[in-house]
């Protein structure tokens, strides 16, 4: 088990609670009292895998939307030829 230190609590807050839930890094930086975004960007590196996962989900949504639009478009063309 890990001992909950001040640093670990701040790190968990920055990564798990704020950044991974879409809070802008500038806001997190202000909340933590950082003078520079570079300090906060250290925490952001931890959630790079989340970005990858979210981009994959977005790609799937866009592909599905494109497929739906193609299907709808095909139906419109078929109705024109009836």
N, C-alpha and C. Protein backbone atom coordinates (compact mmCIF):
# COMPACT_ATOMS: atom_id res chain seq x y z
N UNK A 1 0.83 -1.19 0.00
CA UNK A 1 0.00 0.00 0.00
C UNK A 1 0.88 1.25 0.00
N UNK A 2 0.35 2.30 -0.60
CA UNK A 2 1.09 3.56 -0.64
C UNK A 2 0.61 4.48 0.48
N UNK A 3 1.57 5.20 1.01
CA UNK A 3 1.25 6.21 2.01
C UNK A 3 0.78 7.45 1.24
N UNK A 4 -0.34 8.02 1.65
CA UNK A 4 -0.86 9.20 0.98
C UNK A 4 -0.10 10.43 1.44
N UNK A 5 0.87 10.82 0.62
CA UNK A 5 1.64 12.02 0.92
C UNK A 5 0.96 13.22 0.28
N UNK A 6 1.40 14.39 0.64
CA UNK A 6 0.89 15.63 0.07
C UNK A 6 1.09 15.61 -1.45
N UNK A 7 2.29 15.22 -1.87
CA UNK A 7 2.60 15.18 -3.31
C UNK A 7 1.70 14.19 -4.04
N UNK A 8 1.53 13.00 -3.49
CA UNK A 8 0.68 11.99 -4.12
C UNK A 8 -0.77 12.46 -4.22
N UNK A 9 -1.25 13.13 -3.19
CA UNK A 9 -2.62 13.64 -3.21
C UNK A 9 -2.79 14.69 -4.31
N UNK A 10 -1.83 15.59 -4.45
CA UNK A 10 -1.90 16.61 -5.51
C UNK A 10 -1.81 15.96 -6.89
N UNK A 11 -0.93 14.99 -7.02
CA UNK A 11 -0.76 14.30 -8.30
C UNK A 11 -2.04 13.57 -8.69
N UNK A 12 -2.65 12.88 -7.74
CA UNK A 12 -3.91 12.17 -7.99
C UNK A 12 -5.01 13.15 -8.37
N UNK A 13 -5.09 14.25 -7.66
CA UNK A 13 -6.09 15.27 -7.97
C UNK A 13 -5.89 15.78 -9.39
N UNK A 14 -4.65 16.09 -9.75
CA UNK A 14 -4.37 16.65 -11.07
C UNK A 14 -4.67 15.67 -12.19
N UNK A 15 -4.31 14.41 -12.01
CA UNK A 15 -4.47 13.45 -13.10
C UNK A 15 -5.83 12.78 -13.11
N UNK A 16 -6.19 12.15 -12.03
CA UNK A 16 -7.40 11.34 -11.97
C UNK A 16 -8.67 12.17 -11.90
N UNK A 17 -8.64 13.21 -11.13
CA UNK A 17 -9.87 13.97 -10.89
C UNK A 17 -10.08 15.07 -11.93
N UNK A 18 -9.04 15.77 -12.30
CA UNK A 18 -9.25 16.92 -13.19
C UNK A 18 -8.89 16.64 -14.64
N UNK A 19 -7.63 16.42 -14.94
CA UNK A 19 -7.20 16.29 -16.33
C UNK A 19 -7.90 15.14 -17.05
N UNK A 20 -8.03 14.00 -16.41
CA UNK A 20 -8.66 12.86 -17.08
C UNK A 20 -10.16 13.04 -17.26
N UNK A 21 -10.72 14.05 -16.63
CA UNK A 21 -12.15 14.35 -16.79
C UNK A 21 -12.38 15.60 -17.64
N UNK A 22 -11.35 16.00 -18.36
CA UNK A 22 -11.51 17.07 -19.33
C UNK A 22 -11.35 18.49 -18.83
N UNK A 23 -10.89 18.67 -17.60
CA UNK A 23 -10.66 20.02 -17.11
C UNK A 23 -9.42 20.57 -17.84
N UNK A 24 -9.52 21.76 -18.43
CA UNK A 24 -8.38 22.32 -19.16
C UNK A 24 -7.14 22.44 -18.28
N UNK A 25 -5.99 22.19 -18.90
CA UNK A 25 -4.73 22.19 -18.15
C UNK A 25 -4.46 23.56 -17.52
N UNK A 26 -4.91 24.63 -18.18
CA UNK A 26 -4.72 25.97 -17.60
C UNK A 26 -5.48 26.12 -16.28
N UNK A 27 -6.67 25.55 -16.24
CA UNK A 27 -7.48 25.60 -15.02
C UNK A 27 -6.82 24.79 -13.91
N UNK A 28 -6.35 23.59 -14.26
CA UNK A 28 -5.68 22.73 -13.27
C UNK A 28 -4.44 23.44 -12.74
N UNK A 29 -3.71 24.08 -13.63
CA UNK A 29 -2.50 24.80 -13.22
C UNK A 29 -2.83 25.88 -12.19
N UNK A 30 -3.91 26.61 -12.44
CA UNK A 30 -4.31 27.65 -11.48
C UNK A 30 -4.76 27.04 -10.17
N UNK A 31 -5.52 25.94 -10.25
CA UNK A 31 -6.01 25.29 -9.03
C UNK A 31 -4.87 24.80 -8.15
N UNK A 32 -3.80 24.34 -8.80
CA UNK A 32 -2.66 23.82 -8.05
C UNK A 32 -1.68 24.92 -7.64
N UNK A 33 -1.92 26.14 -8.13
CA UNK A 33 -1.05 27.25 -7.77
C UNK A 33 0.28 27.25 -8.49
N UNK A 34 0.34 26.61 -9.66
CA UNK A 34 1.58 26.58 -10.42
C UNK A 34 1.80 27.92 -11.11
N UNK A 35 3.04 28.36 -11.15
CA UNK A 35 3.39 29.60 -11.84
C UNK A 35 3.60 29.38 -13.32
N UNK A 36 3.82 28.13 -13.71
CA UNK A 36 4.11 27.81 -15.10
C UNK A 36 3.32 26.59 -15.54
N UNK A 37 2.85 26.62 -16.79
CA UNK A 37 2.16 25.44 -17.33
C UNK A 37 3.10 24.25 -17.44
N UNK A 38 4.41 24.51 -17.57
CA UNK A 38 5.37 23.41 -17.67
C UNK A 38 5.28 22.50 -16.45
N UNK A 39 5.06 23.08 -15.31
CA UNK A 39 4.94 22.28 -14.08
C UNK A 39 3.72 21.38 -14.17
N UNK A 40 2.62 21.91 -14.65
CA UNK A 40 1.38 21.14 -14.75
C UNK A 40 1.47 20.10 -15.87
N UNK A 41 2.21 20.42 -16.92
CA UNK A 41 2.34 19.49 -18.04
C UNK A 41 2.99 18.18 -17.61
N UNK A 42 3.75 18.22 -16.55
CA UNK A 42 4.33 16.99 -15.99
C UNK A 42 3.22 15.99 -15.66
N UNK A 43 2.13 16.49 -15.09
CA UNK A 43 1.00 15.64 -14.74
C UNK A 43 0.27 15.16 -15.99
N UNK A 44 0.24 15.99 -17.00
CA UNK A 44 -0.51 15.66 -18.22
C UNK A 44 0.10 14.46 -18.94
N UNK A 45 1.39 14.23 -18.79
CA UNK A 45 2.03 13.09 -19.45
C UNK A 45 1.43 11.78 -18.99
N UNK A 46 0.95 11.74 -17.78
CA UNK A 46 0.38 10.53 -17.21
C UNK A 46 -0.87 10.09 -17.96
N UNK A 47 -1.59 11.04 -18.54
CA UNK A 47 -2.87 10.70 -19.17
C UNK A 47 -2.79 10.59 -20.69
N UNK A 48 -1.58 10.48 -21.25
CA UNK A 48 -1.44 10.33 -22.70
C UNK A 48 -2.20 9.12 -23.21
N UNK A 49 -2.25 8.04 -22.45
CA UNK A 49 -2.98 6.86 -22.89
C UNK A 49 -4.47 7.14 -22.98
N UNK A 50 -4.98 8.01 -22.13
CA UNK A 50 -6.39 8.38 -22.18
C UNK A 50 -6.69 9.10 -23.49
N UNK A 51 -5.79 9.96 -23.92
CA UNK A 51 -5.98 10.68 -25.18
C UNK A 51 -6.05 9.68 -26.32
N UNK A 52 -5.17 8.71 -26.32
CA UNK A 52 -5.18 7.70 -27.36
C UNK A 52 -6.50 6.93 -27.39
N UNK A 53 -6.99 6.57 -26.23
CA UNK A 53 -8.26 5.85 -26.13
C UNK A 53 -9.41 6.71 -26.63
N UNK A 54 -9.42 7.98 -26.25
CA UNK A 54 -10.49 8.88 -26.67
C UNK A 54 -10.45 9.13 -28.17
N UNK A 55 -9.27 9.22 -28.75
CA UNK A 55 -9.16 9.42 -30.20
C UNK A 55 -9.67 8.19 -30.94
N UNK A 56 -9.42 7.00 -30.41
CA UNK A 56 -9.95 5.78 -31.02
C UNK A 56 -11.47 5.77 -30.98
N UNK A 57 -12.03 6.18 -29.86
CA UNK A 57 -13.49 6.24 -29.73
C UNK A 57 -14.07 7.26 -30.70
N UNK A 58 -13.41 8.40 -30.85
CA UNK A 58 -13.87 9.42 -31.80
C UNK A 58 -13.83 8.89 -33.22
N UNK A 59 -12.77 8.19 -33.55
CA UNK A 59 -12.65 7.61 -34.89
C UNK A 59 -13.80 6.65 -35.17
N UNK A 60 -14.12 5.82 -34.20
CA UNK A 60 -15.24 4.88 -34.37
C UNK A 60 -16.55 5.62 -34.58
N UNK A 61 -16.79 6.68 -33.81
CA UNK A 61 -18.01 7.47 -33.96
C UNK A 61 -18.10 8.09 -35.35
N UNK A 62 -16.98 8.65 -35.81
CA UNK A 62 -16.97 9.29 -37.13
C UNK A 62 -17.19 8.27 -38.24
N UNK A 63 -16.58 7.10 -38.11
CA UNK A 63 -16.79 6.05 -39.11
C UNK A 63 -18.24 5.60 -39.13
N UNK A 64 -18.85 5.47 -37.96
CA UNK A 64 -20.25 5.06 -37.87
C UNK A 64 -21.16 6.13 -38.47
N UNK A 65 -20.87 7.38 -38.16
CA UNK A 65 -21.67 8.49 -38.71
C UNK A 65 -21.55 8.51 -40.24
N UNK A 66 -20.34 8.33 -40.73
CA UNK A 66 -20.11 8.32 -42.18
C UNK A 66 -20.88 7.17 -42.83
N UNK A 67 -20.88 6.01 -42.18
CA UNK A 67 -21.61 4.85 -42.70
C UNK A 67 -23.11 5.15 -42.73
N UNK A 68 -23.62 5.75 -41.65
CA UNK A 68 -25.04 6.10 -41.60
C UNK A 68 -25.41 7.09 -42.70
N UNK A 69 -24.54 8.08 -42.94
CA UNK A 69 -24.81 9.06 -43.98
C UNK A 69 -24.79 8.41 -45.36
N UNK A 70 -23.86 7.47 -45.57
CA UNK A 70 -23.81 6.77 -46.85
C UNK A 70 -25.07 5.95 -47.04
N UNK A 71 -25.52 5.25 -45.99
CA UNK A 71 -26.74 4.45 -46.08
C UNK A 71 -27.93 5.34 -46.39
N UNK A 72 -28.04 6.46 -45.73
CA UNK A 72 -29.14 7.40 -45.95
C UNK A 72 -29.06 7.95 -47.37
N UNK A 73 -27.87 8.28 -47.81
CA UNK A 73 -27.68 8.79 -49.17
C UNK A 73 -28.08 7.78 -50.21
N UNK A 74 -27.74 6.51 -50.00
CA UNK A 74 -28.12 5.45 -50.93
C UNK A 74 -29.63 5.32 -51.01
N UNK A 75 -30.30 5.44 -49.88
CA UNK A 75 -31.76 5.33 -49.87
C UNK A 75 -32.38 6.48 -50.64
N UNK A 76 -31.83 7.68 -50.52
CA UNK A 76 -32.35 8.83 -51.26
C UNK A 76 -32.20 8.61 -52.76
N UNK A 77 -31.06 8.08 -53.17
CA UNK A 77 -30.84 7.81 -54.59
C UNK A 77 -31.82 6.76 -55.08
N UNK A 78 -32.04 5.71 -54.29
CA UNK A 78 -32.97 4.65 -54.69
C UNK A 78 -34.38 5.21 -54.85
N UNK A 79 -34.80 6.11 -53.98
CA UNK A 79 -36.14 6.70 -54.06
C UNK A 79 -36.28 7.54 -55.32
N UNK A 80 -35.20 8.18 -55.75
CA UNK A 80 -35.25 8.98 -56.97
C UNK A 80 -35.51 8.12 -58.20
N UNK A 81 -35.02 6.90 -58.19
CA UNK A 81 -35.16 6.02 -59.35
C UNK A 81 -36.42 5.18 -59.30
N UNK A 82 -37.26 5.32 -58.34
CA UNK A 82 -38.51 4.55 -58.26
C UNK A 82 -39.58 5.18 -59.05
